[in-house]
């Protein structure tokens, strides 16, 4: 596969964001928003929010990449239209699955606490 250091192909997506930069602050704000929204309890919920954050950042990178002119992106990301659709579908699927699983875990936890 592609071994780029930045963008939606990065092996360590969030580590490519330098602390103190506007991008870093955006990721921190998004992380805080997810944590406020879901009020996490336990390591599984923590892990799922990390997955949601990661896929959200990956999706943002994908959208930014999609908006670049074709000549600029062709040298850095040698993908055709079908490959972009597959990447977008994979990101969408992973994000949806993580959100669904987190909400399922939380509903299960709340049901147990009511009993």
PDB file of N, CA and C in Angstrom:
ATOM      1  N   UNK A   1       0.835  -1.179   0.000  1.00  0.00           N
ATOM      2  CA  UNK A   1       0.000   0.000   0.000  1.00  0.00           C
ATOM      3  C   UNK A   1       0.879   1.241   0.000  1.00  0.00           C
ATOM      4  N   UNK A   2       0.272   2.386   0.110  1.00  0.00           N
ATOM      5  CA  UNK A   2       0.994   3.635   0.094  1.00  0.00           C
ATOM      6  C   UNK A   2       1.529   3.942   1.488  1.00  0.00           C
ATOM      7  N   UNK A   3       2.744   4.397   1.596  1.00  0.00           N
ATOM      8  CA  UNK A   3       3.381   4.658   2.887  1.00  0.00           C
ATOM      9  C   UNK A   3       3.668   6.139   3.058  1.00  0.00           C
ATOM     10  N   UNK A   4       2.664   6.947   2.971  1.00  0.00           N
ATOM     11  CA  UNK A   4       2.843   8.378   3.148  1.00  0.00           C
ATOM     12  C   UNK A   4       2.831   8.721   4.631  1.00  0.00           C
ATOM     13  N   UNK A   5       3.463   9.833   4.977  1.00  0.00           N
ATOM     14  CA  UNK A   5       3.501  10.268   6.368  1.00  0.00           C
ATOM     15  C   UNK A   5       2.285  11.106   6.738  1.00  0.00           C
ATOM     16  N   UNK A   6       1.629  11.723   5.749  1.00  0.00           N
ATOM     17  CA  UNK A   6       0.519  12.616   6.033  1.00  0.00           C
ATOM     18  C   UNK A   6      -0.679  12.232   5.179  1.00  0.00           C
ATOM     19  N   UNK A   7      -1.835  12.736   5.571  1.00  0.00           N
ATOM     20  CA  UNK A   7      -3.031  12.519   4.774  1.00  0.00           C
ATOM     21  C   UNK A   7      -3.758  11.247   5.155  1.00  0.00           C
ATOM     22  N   UNK A   8      -4.703  10.861   4.312  1.00  0.00           N
ATOM     23  CA  UNK A   8      -5.530   9.727   4.695  1.00  0.00           C
ATOM     24  C   UNK A   8      -4.856   8.390   4.452  1.00  0.00           C
ATOM     25  N   UNK A   9      -3.619   8.354   3.976  1.00  0.00           N
ATOM     26  CA  UNK A   9      -2.861   7.111   3.864  1.00  0.00           C
ATOM     27  C   UNK A   9      -1.884   6.925   5.019  1.00  0.00           C
ATOM     28  N   UNK A  10      -1.795   7.889   5.908  1.00  0.00           N
ATOM     29  CA  UNK A  10      -0.805   7.838   6.983  1.00  0.00           C
ATOM     30  C   UNK A  10      -1.032   6.633   7.882  1.00  0.00           C
ATOM     31  N   UNK A  11       0.057   5.990   8.269  1.00  0.00           N
ATOM     32  CA  UNK A  11      -0.048   4.854   9.187  1.00  0.00           C
ATOM     33  C   UNK A  11      -0.483   5.306  10.571  1.00  0.00           C
ATOM     34  N   UNK A  12       0.041   6.442  11.020  1.00  0.00           N
ATOM     35  CA  UNK A  12      -0.299   6.998  12.321  1.00  0.00           C
ATOM     36  C   UNK A  12      -0.920   8.367  12.065  1.00  0.00           C
ATOM     37  N   UNK A  13      -2.185   8.359  11.746  1.00  0.00           N
ATOM     38  CA  UNK A  13      -2.862   9.537  11.248  1.00  0.00           C
ATOM     39  C   UNK A  13      -2.748  10.726  12.198  1.00  0.00           C
ATOM     40  N   UNK A  14      -3.046  10.531  13.472  1.00  0.00           N
ATOM     41  CA  UNK A  14      -3.066  11.657  14.395  1.00  0.00           C
ATOM     42  C   UNK A  14      -1.669  12.110  14.791  1.00  0.00           C
ATOM     43  N   UNK A  15      -0.674  11.231  14.696  1.00  0.00           N
ATOM     44  CA  UNK A  15       0.689  11.644  15.029  1.00  0.00           C
ATOM     45  C   UNK A  15       1.275  12.567  13.963  1.00  0.00           C
ATOM     46  N   UNK A  16       0.649  12.632  12.804  1.00  0.00           N
ATOM     47  CA  UNK A  16       1.122  13.515  11.741  1.00  0.00           C
ATOM     48  C   UNK A  16       0.711  14.965  11.999  1.00  0.00           C
ATOM     49  N   UNK A  17      -0.154  15.181  12.998  1.00  0.00           N
ATOM     50  CA  UNK A  17      -0.610  16.521  13.331  1.00  0.00           C
ATOM     51  C   UNK A  17       0.312  17.089  14.405  1.00  0.00           C
ATOM     52  N   UNK A  18       0.975  18.189  14.093  1.00  0.00           N
ATOM     53  CA  UNK A  18       1.945  18.802  15.003  1.00  0.00           C
ATOM     54  C   UNK A  18       1.233  19.565  16.115  1.00  0.00           C
ATOM     55  N   UNK A  19       1.588  19.309  17.389  1.00  0.00           N
ATOM     56  CA  UNK A  19       0.996  20.068  18.501  1.00  0.00           C
ATOM     57  C   UNK A  19       1.212  21.569  18.323  1.00  0.00           C
ATOM     58  N   UNK A  20       0.177  22.325  18.664  1.00  0.00           N
ATOM     59  CA  UNK A  20       0.262  23.775  18.576  1.00  0.00           C
ATOM     60  C   UNK A  20      -0.191  24.360  17.252  1.00  0.00           C
ATOM     61  N   UNK A  21      -0.396  23.528  16.249  1.00  0.00           N
ATOM     62  CA  UNK A  21      -0.845  24.025  14.948  1.00  0.00           C
ATOM     63  C   UNK A  21      -2.375  24.155  14.942  1.00  0.00           C
ATOM     64  N   UNK A  22      -2.920  24.911  14.002  1.00  0.00           N
ATOM     65  CA  UNK A  22      -4.387  25.000  13.903  1.00  0.00           C
ATOM     66  C   UNK A  22      -5.035  23.629  13.686  1.00  0.00           C
ATOM     67  N   UNK A  23      -4.370  22.761  12.919  1.00  0.00           N
ATOM     68  CA  UNK A  23      -4.908  21.411  12.687  1.00  0.00           C
ATOM     69  C   UNK A  23      -4.969  20.622  13.983  1.00  0.00           C
ATOM     70  N   UNK A  24      -3.919  20.748  14.796  1.00  0.00           N
ATOM     71  CA  UNK A  24      -3.872  20.064  16.082  1.00  0.00           C
ATOM     72  C   UNK A  24      -5.017  20.539  16.967  1.00  0.00           C
ATOM     73  N   UNK A  25      -5.245  21.857  16.992  1.00  0.00           N
ATOM     74  CA  UNK A  25      -6.328  22.400  17.818  1.00  0.00           C
ATOM     75  C   UNK A  25      -7.685  21.893  17.330  1.00  0.00           C
ATOM     76  N   UNK A  26      -7.857  21.795  16.017  1.00  0.00           N
ATOM     77  CA  UNK A  26      -9.108  21.272  15.470  1.00  0.00           C
ATOM     78  C   UNK A  26      -9.345  19.839  15.931  1.00  0.00           C
ATOM     79  N   UNK A  27      -8.293  19.028  15.914  1.00  0.00           N
ATOM     80  CA  UNK A  27      -8.415  17.632  16.364  1.00  0.00           C
ATOM     81  C   UNK A  27      -8.742  17.599  17.853  1.00  0.00           C
ATOM     82  N   UNK A  28      -8.080  18.453  18.644  1.00  0.00           N
ATOM     83  CA  UNK A  28      -8.355  18.498  20.081  1.00  0.00           C
ATOM     84  C   UNK A  28      -9.796  18.930  20.349  1.00  0.00           C
ATOM     85  N   UNK A  29     -10.274  19.924  19.614  1.00  0.00           N
ATOM     86  CA  UNK A  29     -11.652  20.394  19.778  1.00  0.00           C
ATOM     87  C   UNK A  29     -12.649  19.305  19.409  1.00  0.00           C
ATOM     88  N   UNK A  30     -12.371  18.589  18.336  1.00  0.00           N
ATOM     89  CA  UNK A  30     -13.249  17.502  17.919  1.00  0.00           C
ATOM     90  C   UNK A  30     -13.256  16.387  18.956  1.00  0.00           C
ATOM     91  N   UNK A  31     -12.088  16.058  19.477  1.00  0.00           N
ATOM     92  CA  UNK A  31     -11.972  15.042  20.520  1.00  0.00           C
ATOM     93  C   UNK A  31     -12.802  15.440  21.748  1.00  0.00           C
ATOM     94  N   UNK A  32     -12.661  16.685  22.158  1.00  0.00           N
ATOM     95  CA  UNK A  32     -13.419  17.182  23.312  1.00  0.00           C
ATOM     96  C   UNK A  32     -14.924  17.138  23.041  1.00  0.00           C
ATOM     97  N   UNK A  33     -15.325  17.505  21.839  1.00  0.00           N
ATOM     98  CA  UNK A  33     -16.750  17.482  21.485  1.00  0.00           C
ATOM     99  C   UNK A  33     -17.307  16.061  21.547  1.00  0.00           C
ATOM    100  N   UNK A  34     -16.549  15.086  21.030  1.00  0.00           N
ATOM    101  CA  UNK A  34     -16.998  13.692  21.101  1.00  0.00           C
ATOM    102  C   UNK A  34     -17.112  13.232  22.550  1.00  0.00           C
ATOM    103  N   UNK A  35     -16.131  13.570  23.357  1.00  0.00           N
ATOM    104  CA  UNK A  35     -16.139  13.170  24.769  1.00  0.00           C
ATOM    105  C   UNK A  35     -17.281  13.826  25.528  1.00  0.00           C
ATOM    106  N   UNK A  36     -17.570  15.081  25.233  1.00  0.00           N
ATOM    107  CA  UNK A  36     -18.713  15.752  25.858  1.00  0.00           C
ATOM    108  C   UNK A  36     -20.021  15.108  25.420  1.00  0.00           C
ATOM    109  N   UNK A  37     -20.112  14.780  24.165  1.00  0.00           N
ATOM    110  CA  UNK A  37     -21.338  14.181  23.609  1.00  0.00           C
ATOM    111  C   UNK A  37     -21.621  12.805  24.187  1.00  0.00           C
ATOM    112  N   UNK A  38     -20.581  11.981  24.308  1.00  0.00           N
ATOM    113  CA  UNK A  38     -20.804  10.586  24.682  1.00  0.00           C
ATOM    114  C   UNK A  38     -20.580  10.277  26.162  1.00  0.00           C
ATOM    115  N   UNK A  39     -19.978  11.166  26.939  1.00  0.00           N
ATOM    116  CA  UNK A  39     -19.773  10.930  28.373  1.00  0.00           C
ATOM    117  C   UNK A  39     -19.270   9.509  28.619  1.00  0.00           C
ATOM    118  N   UNK A  40     -18.054   9.258  28.241  1.00  0.00           N
ATOM    119  CA  UNK A  40     -17.469   7.923  28.192  1.00  0.00           C
ATOM    120  C   UNK A  40     -17.280   7.298  29.572  1.00  0.00           C
ATOM    121  N   UNK A  41     -17.480   5.984  29.591  1.00  0.00           N
ATOM    122  CA  UNK A  41     -17.216   5.176  30.782  1.00  0.00           C
ATOM    123  C   UNK A  41     -16.480   3.931  30.328  1.00  0.00           C
ATOM    124  N   UNK A  42     -15.260   3.752  30.809  1.00  0.00           N
ATOM    125  CA  UNK A  42     -14.520   2.532  30.534  1.00  0.00           C
ATOM    126  C   UNK A  42     -13.669   2.568  29.278  1.00  0.00           C
ATOM    127  N   UNK A  43     -12.762   1.591  29.213  1.00  0.00           N
ATOM    128  CA  UNK A  43     -11.789   1.565  28.113  1.00  0.00           C
ATOM    129  C   UNK A  43     -12.391   1.252  26.742  1.00  0.00           C
ATOM    130  N   UNK A  44     -13.456   0.484  26.684  1.00  0.00           N
ATOM    131  CA  UNK A  44     -14.063   0.166  25.383  1.00  0.00           C
ATOM    132  C   UNK A  44     -14.656   1.425  24.760  1.00  0.00           C
ATOM    133  N   UNK A  45     -15.367   2.195  25.556  1.00  0.00           N
ATOM    134  CA  UNK A  45     -15.942   3.434  25.040  1.00  0.00           C
ATOM    135  C   UNK A  45     -14.837   4.421  24.662  1.00  0.00           C
ATOM    136  N   UNK A  46     -13.768   4.463  25.450  1.00  0.00           N
ATOM    137  CA  UNK A  46     -12.614   5.317  25.112  1.00  0.00           C
ATOM    138  C   UNK A  46     -12.029   4.913  23.760  1.00  0.00           C
ATOM    139  N   UNK A  47     -11.835   3.627  23.578  1.00  0.00           N
ATOM    140  CA  UNK A  47     -11.275   3.114  22.331  1.00  0.00           C
ATOM    141  C   UNK A  47     -12.176   3.441  21.139  1.00  0.00           C
ATOM    142  N   UNK A  48     -13.471   3.297  21.320  1.00  0.00           N
ATOM    143  CA  UNK A  48     -14.398   3.578  20.224  1.00  0.00           C
ATOM    144  C   UNK A  48     -14.410   5.064  19.860  1.00  0.00           C
ATOM    145  N   UNK A  49     -14.288   5.949  20.847  1.00  0.00           N
ATOM    146  CA  UNK A  49     -14.221   7.376  20.526  1.00  0.00           C
ATOM    147  C   UNK A  49     -12.910   7.698  19.817  1.00  0.00           C
ATOM    148  N   UNK A  50     -11.829   7.031  20.196  1.00  0.00           N
ATOM    149  CA  UNK A  50     -10.569   7.223  19.467  1.00  0.00           C
ATOM    150  C   UNK A  50     -10.730   6.793  18.015  1.00  0.00           C
ATOM    151  N   UNK A  51     -11.446   5.702  17.795  1.00  0.00           N
ATOM    152  CA  UNK A  51     -11.698   5.233  16.431  1.00  0.00           C
ATOM    153  C   UNK A  51     -12.561   6.241  15.665  1.00  0.00           C
ATOM    154  N   UNK A  52     -13.583   6.760  16.320  1.00  0.00           N
ATOM    155  CA  UNK A  52     -14.452   7.762  15.691  1.00  0.00           C
ATOM    156  C   UNK A  52     -13.640   9.003  15.347  1.00  0.00           C
ATOM    157  N   UNK A  53     -12.796   9.441  16.275  1.00  0.00           N
ATOM    158  CA  UNK A  53     -11.949  10.613  16.021  1.00  0.00           C
ATOM    159  C   UNK A  53     -11.012  10.359  14.843  1.00  0.00           C
ATOM    160  N   UNK A  54     -10.376   9.211  14.849  1.00  0.00           N
ATOM    161  CA  UNK A  54      -9.441   8.864  13.779  1.00  0.00           C
ATOM    162  C   UNK A  54     -10.138   8.839  12.422  1.00  0.00           C
ATOM    163  N   UNK A  55     -11.287   8.203  12.348  1.00  0.00           N
ATOM    164  CA  UNK A  55     -12.009   8.124  11.073  1.00  0.00           C
ATOM    165  C   UNK A  55     -12.543   9.496  10.664  1.00  0.00           C
ATOM    166  N   UNK A  56     -12.915  10.329  11.634  1.00  0.00           N
ATOM    167  CA  UNK A  56     -13.374  11.682  11.318  1.00  0.00           C
ATOM    168  C   UNK A  56     -12.246  12.511  10.722  1.00  0.00           C
ATOM    169  N   UNK A  57     -11.061  12.396  11.299  1.00  0.00           N
ATOM    170  CA  UNK A  57      -9.895  13.114  10.772  1.00  0.00           C
ATOM    171  C   UNK A  57      -9.551  12.580   9.386  1.00  0.00           C
ATOM    172  N   UNK A  58      -9.598  11.279   9.228  1.00  0.00           N
ATOM    173  CA  UNK A  58      -9.310  10.666   7.927  1.00  0.00           C
ATOM    174  C   UNK A  58     -10.310  11.176   6.880  1.00  0.00           C
ATOM    175  N   UNK A  59     -11.582  11.285   7.271  1.00  0.00           N
ATOM    176  CA  UNK A  59     -12.607  11.774   6.357  1.00  0.00           C
ATOM    177  C   UNK A  59     -12.342  13.233   5.989  1.00  0.00           C
ATOM    178  N   UNK A  60     -11.934  14.051   6.966  1.00  0.00           N
ATOM    179  CA  UNK A  60     -11.599  15.451   6.688  1.00  0.00           C
ATOM    180  C   UNK A  60     -10.435  15.551   5.717  1.00  0.00           C
ATOM    181  N   UNK A  61      -9.425  14.711   5.920  1.00  0.00           N
ATOM    182  CA  UNK A  61      -8.280  14.686   4.993  1.00  0.00           C
ATOM    183  C   UNK A  61      -8.734  14.292   3.598  1.00  0.00           C
ATOM    184  N   UNK A  62      -9.627  13.321   3.546  1.00  0.00           N
ATOM    185  CA  UNK A  62     -10.142  12.866   2.260  1.00  0.00           C
ATOM    186  C   UNK A  62     -10.880  13.997   1.548  1.00  0.00           C
ATOM    187  N   UNK A  63     -11.727  14.733   2.288  1.00  0.00           N
ATOM    188  CA  UNK A  63     -12.465  15.838   1.683  1.00  0.00           C
ATOM    189  C   UNK A  63     -11.526  16.941   1.208  1.00  0.00           C
ATOM    190  N   UNK A  64     -10.519  17.248   2.022  1.00  0.00           N
ATOM    191  CA  UNK A  64      -9.545  18.266   1.617  1.00  0.00           C
ATOM    192  C   UNK A  64      -8.804  17.824   0.369  1.00  0.00           C
ATOM    193  N   UNK A  65      -8.465  16.558   0.318  1.00  0.00           N
ATOM    194  CA  UNK A  65      -7.754  15.984  -0.826  1.00  0.00           C
ATOM    195  C   UNK A  65      -8.612  16.028  -2.078  1.00  0.00           C
ATOM    196  N   UNK A  66      -9.888  15.762  -1.910  1.00  0.00           N
ATOM    197  CA  UNK A  66     -10.825  15.742  -3.027  1.00  0.00           C
ATOM    198  C   UNK A  66     -10.999  17.133  -3.638  1.00  0.00           C
ATOM    199  N   UNK A  67     -10.800  18.179  -2.834  1.00  0.00           N
ATOM    200  CA  UNK A  67     -10.995  19.550  -3.309  1.00  0.00           C
ATOM    201  C   UNK A  67      -9.768  20.116  -4.006  1.00  0.00           C
ATOM    202  N   UNK A  68      -8.641  19.414  -3.967  1.00  0.00           N
ATOM    203  CA  UNK A  68      -7.432  19.899  -4.632  1.00  0.00           C
ATOM    204  C   UNK A  68      -7.550  19.693  -6.138  1.00  0.00           C
ATOM    205  N   UNK A  69      -6.952  20.593  -6.905  1.00  0.00           N
ATOM    206  CA  UNK A  69      -6.953  20.402  -8.360  1.00  0.00           C
ATOM    207  C   UNK A  69      -6.263  19.092  -8.743  1.00  0.00           C
ATOM    208  N   UNK A  70      -6.711  18.482  -9.796  1.00  0.00           N
ATOM    209  CA  UNK A  70      -6.199  17.172 -10.228  1.00  0.00           C
ATOM    210  C   UNK A  70      -4.692  17.169 -10.439  1.00  0.00           C
ATOM    211  N   UNK A  71      -4.124  18.219 -10.997  1.00  0.00           N
ATOM    212  CA  UNK A  71      -2.680  18.233 -11.256  1.00  0.00           C
ATOM    213  C   UNK A  71      -1.873  18.239  -9.960  1.00  0.00           C
ATOM    214  N   UNK A  72      -2.382  18.916  -8.932  1.00  0.00           N
ATOM    215  CA  UNK A  72      -1.679  18.968  -7.655  1.00  0.00           C
ATOM    216  C   UNK A  72      -1.700  17.613  -6.989  1.00  0.00           C
ATOM    217  N   UNK A  73      -2.843  16.963  -6.971  1.00  0.00           N
ATOM    218  CA  UNK A  73      -2.965  15.709  -6.241  1.00  0.00           C
ATOM    219  C   UNK A  73      -2.402  14.508  -6.991  1.00  0.00           C
ATOM    220  N   UNK A  74      -2.296  14.565  -8.302  1.00  0.00           N
ATOM    221  CA  UNK A  74      -1.881  13.381  -9.050  1.00  0.00           C
ATOM    222  C   UNK A  74      -0.454  12.941  -8.719  1.00  0.00           C
ATOM    223  N   UNK A  75       0.429  13.877  -8.410  1.00  0.00           N
ATOM    224  CA  UNK A  75       1.800  13.479  -8.117  1.00  0.00           C
ATOM    225  C   UNK A  75       1.947  12.896  -6.713  1.00  0.00           C
ATOM    226  N   UNK A  76       1.072  13.272  -5.796  1.00  0.00           N
ATOM    227  CA  UNK A  76       1.197  12.810  -4.407  1.00  0.00           C
ATOM    228  C   UNK A  76       0.318  11.602  -4.119  1.00  0.00           C
ATOM    229  N   UNK A  77      -0.855  11.573  -4.692  1.00  0.00           N
ATOM    230  CA  UNK A  77      -1.790  10.472  -4.489  1.00  0.00           C
ATOM    231  C   UNK A  77      -2.154   9.868  -5.841  1.00  0.00           C
ATOM    232  N   UNK A  78      -1.436   8.880  -6.278  1.00  0.00           N
ATOM    233  CA  UNK A  78      -1.700   8.324  -7.613  1.00  0.00           C
ATOM    234  C   UNK A  78      -2.918   7.397  -7.629  1.00  0.00           C
ATOM    235  N   UNK A  79      -4.092   7.953  -7.423  1.00  0.00           N
ATOM    236  CA  UNK A  79      -5.314   7.163  -7.384  1.00  0.00           C
ATOM    237  C   UNK A  79      -6.254   7.581  -8.501  1.00  0.00           C
ATOM    238  N   UNK A  80      -7.049   6.614  -8.931  1.00  0.00           N
ATOM    239  CA  UNK A  80      -8.075   6.954  -9.904  1.00  0.00           C
ATOM    240  C   UNK A  80      -9.413   7.132  -9.184  1.00  0.00           C
ATOM    241  N   UNK A  81     -10.448   7.501  -9.919  1.00  0.00           N
ATOM    242  CA  UNK A  81     -11.762   7.761  -9.330  1.00  0.00           C
ATOM    243  C   UNK A  81     -12.338   6.588  -8.567  1.00  0.00           C
ATOM    244  N   UNK A  82     -12.176   5.375  -9.099  1.00  0.00           N
ATOM    245  CA  UNK A  82     -12.706   4.195  -8.418  1.00  0.00           C
ATOM    246  C   UNK A  82     -12.028   3.961  -7.077  1.00  0.00           C
ATOM    247  N   UNK A  83     -10.730   4.212  -7.008  1.00  0.00           N
ATOM    248  CA  UNK A  83     -10.021   4.040  -5.751  1.00  0.00           C
ATOM    249  C   UNK A  83     -10.492   5.059  -4.717  1.00  0.00           C
ATOM    250  N   UNK A  84     -10.752   6.287  -5.149  1.00  0.00           N
ATOM    251  CA  UNK A  84     -11.263   7.279  -4.217  1.00  0.00           C
ATOM    252  C   UNK A  84     -12.620   6.874  -3.666  1.00  0.00           C
ATOM    253  N   UNK A  85     -13.473   6.358  -4.507  1.00  0.00           N
ATOM    254  CA  UNK A  85     -14.794   5.914  -4.057  1.00  0.00           C
ATOM    255  C   UNK A  85     -14.639   4.785  -3.044  1.00  0.00           C
ATOM    256  N   UNK A  86     -13.712   3.870  -3.272  1.00  0.00           N
ATOM    257  CA  UNK A  86     -13.488   2.769  -2.323  1.00  0.00           C
ATOM    258  C   UNK A  86     -12.981   3.291  -0.989  1.00  0.00           C
ATOM    259  N   UNK A  87     -12.031   4.234  -1.024  1.00  0.00           N
ATOM    260  CA  UNK A  87     -11.525   4.808   0.224  1.00  0.00           C
ATOM    261  C   UNK A  87     -12.630   5.542   0.969  1.00  0.00           C
ATOM    262  N   UNK A  88     -13.414   6.317   0.251  1.00  0.00           N
ATOM    263  CA  UNK A  88     -14.503   7.042   0.895  1.00  0.00           C
ATOM    264  C   UNK A  88     -15.501   6.062   1.508  1.00  0.00           C
ATOM    265  N   UNK A  89     -15.834   5.011   0.798  1.00  0.00           N
ATOM    266  CA  UNK A  89     -16.759   4.007   1.323  1.00  0.00           C
ATOM    267  C   UNK A  89     -16.204   3.321   2.564  1.00  0.00           C
ATOM    268  N   UNK A  90     -14.914   3.016   2.535  1.00  0.00           N
ATOM    269  CA  UNK A  90     -14.286   2.370   3.691  1.00  0.00           C
ATOM    270  C   UNK A  90     -14.299   3.291   4.902  1.00  0.00           C
ATOM    271  N   UNK A  91     -13.979   4.564   4.698  1.00  0.00           N
ATOM    272  CA  UNK A  91     -13.999   5.522   5.799  1.00  0.00           C
ATOM    273  C   UNK A  91     -15.416   5.662   6.345  1.00  0.00           C
ATOM    274  N   UNK A  92     -16.393   5.828   5.471  1.00  0.00           N
ATOM    275  CA  UNK A  92     -17.788   5.940   5.897  1.00  0.00           C
ATOM    276  C   UNK A  92     -18.213   4.723   6.709  1.00  0.00           C
ATOM    277  N   UNK A  93     -17.878   3.559   6.210  1.00  0.00           N
ATOM    278  CA  UNK A  93     -18.269   2.306   6.876  1.00  0.00           C
ATOM    279  C   UNK A  93     -17.624   2.192   8.257  1.00  0.00           C
ATOM    280  N   UNK A  94     -16.324   2.470   8.340  1.00  0.00           N
ATOM    281  CA  UNK A  94     -15.627   2.386   9.625  1.00  0.00           C
ATOM    282  C   UNK A  94     -16.187   3.396  10.629  1.00  0.00           C
ATOM    283  N   UNK A  95     -16.456   4.605  10.171  1.00  0.00           N
ATOM    284  CA  UNK A  95     -17.001   5.633  11.045  1.00  0.00           C
ATOM    285  C   UNK A  95     -18.390   5.230  11.540  1.00  0.00           C
ATOM    286  N   UNK A  96     -19.240   4.787  10.645  1.00  0.00           N
ATOM    287  CA  UNK A  96     -20.589   4.363  11.020  1.00  0.00           C
ATOM    288  C   UNK A  96     -20.548   3.186  11.996  1.00  0.00           C
ATOM    289  N   UNK A  97     -19.688   2.219  11.729  1.00  0.00           N
ATOM    290  CA  UNK A  97     -19.589   1.057  12.617  1.00  0.00           C
ATOM    291  C   UNK A  97     -19.115   1.454  14.010  1.00  0.00           C
ATOM    292  N   UNK A  98     -18.155   2.354  14.092  1.00  0.00           N
ATOM    293  CA  UNK A  98     -17.650   2.784  15.401  1.00  0.00           C
ATOM    294  C   UNK A  98     -18.723   3.540  16.178  1.00  0.00           C
ATOM    295  N   UNK A  99     -19.443   4.426  15.512  1.00  0.00           N
ATOM    296  CA  UNK A  99     -20.520   5.165  16.183  1.00  0.00           C
ATOM    297  C   UNK A  99     -21.616   4.211  16.636  1.00  0.00           C
ATOM    298  N   UNK A 100     -22.009   3.298  15.765  1.00  0.00           N
ATOM    299  CA  UNK A 100     -23.047   2.332  16.101  1.00  0.00           C
ATOM    300  C   UNK A 100     -22.634   1.472  17.287  1.00  0.00           C
ATOM    301  N   UNK A 101     -21.397   0.999  17.286  1.00  0.00           N
ATOM    302  CA  UNK A 101     -20.922   0.148  18.382  1.00  0.00           C
ATOM    303  C   UNK A 101     -20.832   0.930  19.688  1.00  0.00           C
ATOM    304  N   UNK A 102     -20.367   2.174  19.627  1.00  0.00           N
ATOM    305  CA  UNK A 102     -20.293   2.989  20.841  1.00  0.00           C
ATOM    306  C   UNK A 102     -21.695   3.195  21.414  1.00  0.00           C
ATOM    307  N   UNK A 103     -22.633   3.537  20.567  1.00  0.00           N
ATOM    308  CA  UNK A 103     -24.000   3.754  21.046  1.00  0.00           C
ATOM    309  C   UNK A 103     -24.610   2.459  21.573  1.00  0.00           C
ATOM    310  N   UNK A 104     -24.281   1.339  20.964  1.00  0.00           N
ATOM    311  CA  UNK A 104     -24.756   0.040  21.459  1.00  0.00           C
ATOM    312  C   UNK A 104     -24.162  -0.267  22.833  1.00  0.00           C
ATOM    313  N   UNK A 105     -22.869  -0.034  22.992  1.00  0.00           N
ATOM    314  CA  UNK A 105     -22.205  -0.258  24.271  1.00  0.00           C
ATOM    315  C   UNK A 105     -22.813   0.622  25.365  1.00  0.00           C
ATOM    316  N   UNK A 106     -23.074   1.871  25.034  1.00  0.00           N
ATOM    317  CA  UNK A 106     -23.633   2.781  26.028  1.00  0.00           C
ATOM    318  C   UNK A 106     -25.057   2.402  26.400  1.00  0.00           C
ATOM    319  N   UNK A 107     -25.850   1.992  25.425  1.00  0.00           N
ATOM    320  CA  UNK A 107     -27.215   1.554  25.715  1.00  0.00           C
ATOM    321  C   UNK A 107     -27.201   0.314  26.611  1.00  0.00           C
ATOM    322  N   UNK A 108     -26.297  -0.595  26.320  1.00  0.00           N
ATOM    323  CA  UNK A 108     -26.144  -1.817  27.123  1.00  0.00           C
ATOM    324  C   UNK A 108     -25.737  -1.467  28.556  1.00  0.00           C
ATOM    325  N   UNK A 109     -24.779  -0.554  28.698  1.00  0.00           N
ATOM    326  CA  UNK A 109     -24.324  -0.125  30.019  1.00  0.00           C
ATOM    327  C   UNK A 109     -25.455   0.531  30.798  1.00  0.00           C
ATOM    328  N   UNK A 110     -26.210   1.394  30.146  1.00  0.00           N
ATOM    329  CA  UNK A 110     -27.331   2.093  30.810  1.00  0.00           C
ATOM    330  C   UNK A 110     -28.436   1.118  31.208  1.00  0.00           C
ATOM    331  N   UNK A 111     -28.674   0.126  30.374  1.00  0.00           N
ATOM    332  CA  UNK A 111     -29.686  -0.885  30.691  1.00  0.00           C
ATOM    333  C   UNK A 111     -29.270  -1.689  31.921  1.00  0.00           C
ATOM    334  N   UNK A 112     -28.010  -2.040  32.016  1.00  0.00           N
ATOM    335  CA  UNK A 112     -27.504  -2.798  33.167  1.00  0.00           C
ATOM    336  C   UNK A 112     -27.599  -1.942  34.438  1.00  0.00           C
ATOM    337  N   UNK A 113     -27.314  -0.656  34.330  1.00  0.00           N
ATOM    338  CA  UNK A 113     -27.353   0.198  35.514  1.00  0.00           C
ATOM    339  C   UNK A 113     -28.789   0.443  35.992  1.00  0.00           C
ATOM    340  N   UNK A 114     -29.771   0.324  35.109  1.00  0.00           N
ATOM    341  CA  UNK A 114     -31.185   0.470  35.497  1.00  0.00           C
ATOM    342  C   UNK A 114     -31.696  -0.754  36.246  1.00  0.00           C
ATOM    343  N   UNK A 115     -31.089  -1.901  35.963  1.00  0.00           N
ATOM    344  CA  UNK A 115     -31.552  -3.174  36.559  1.00  0.00           C
ATOM    345  C   UNK A 115     -31.187  -3.309  38.003  1.00  0.00           C
TER     346      UNK A 115
END
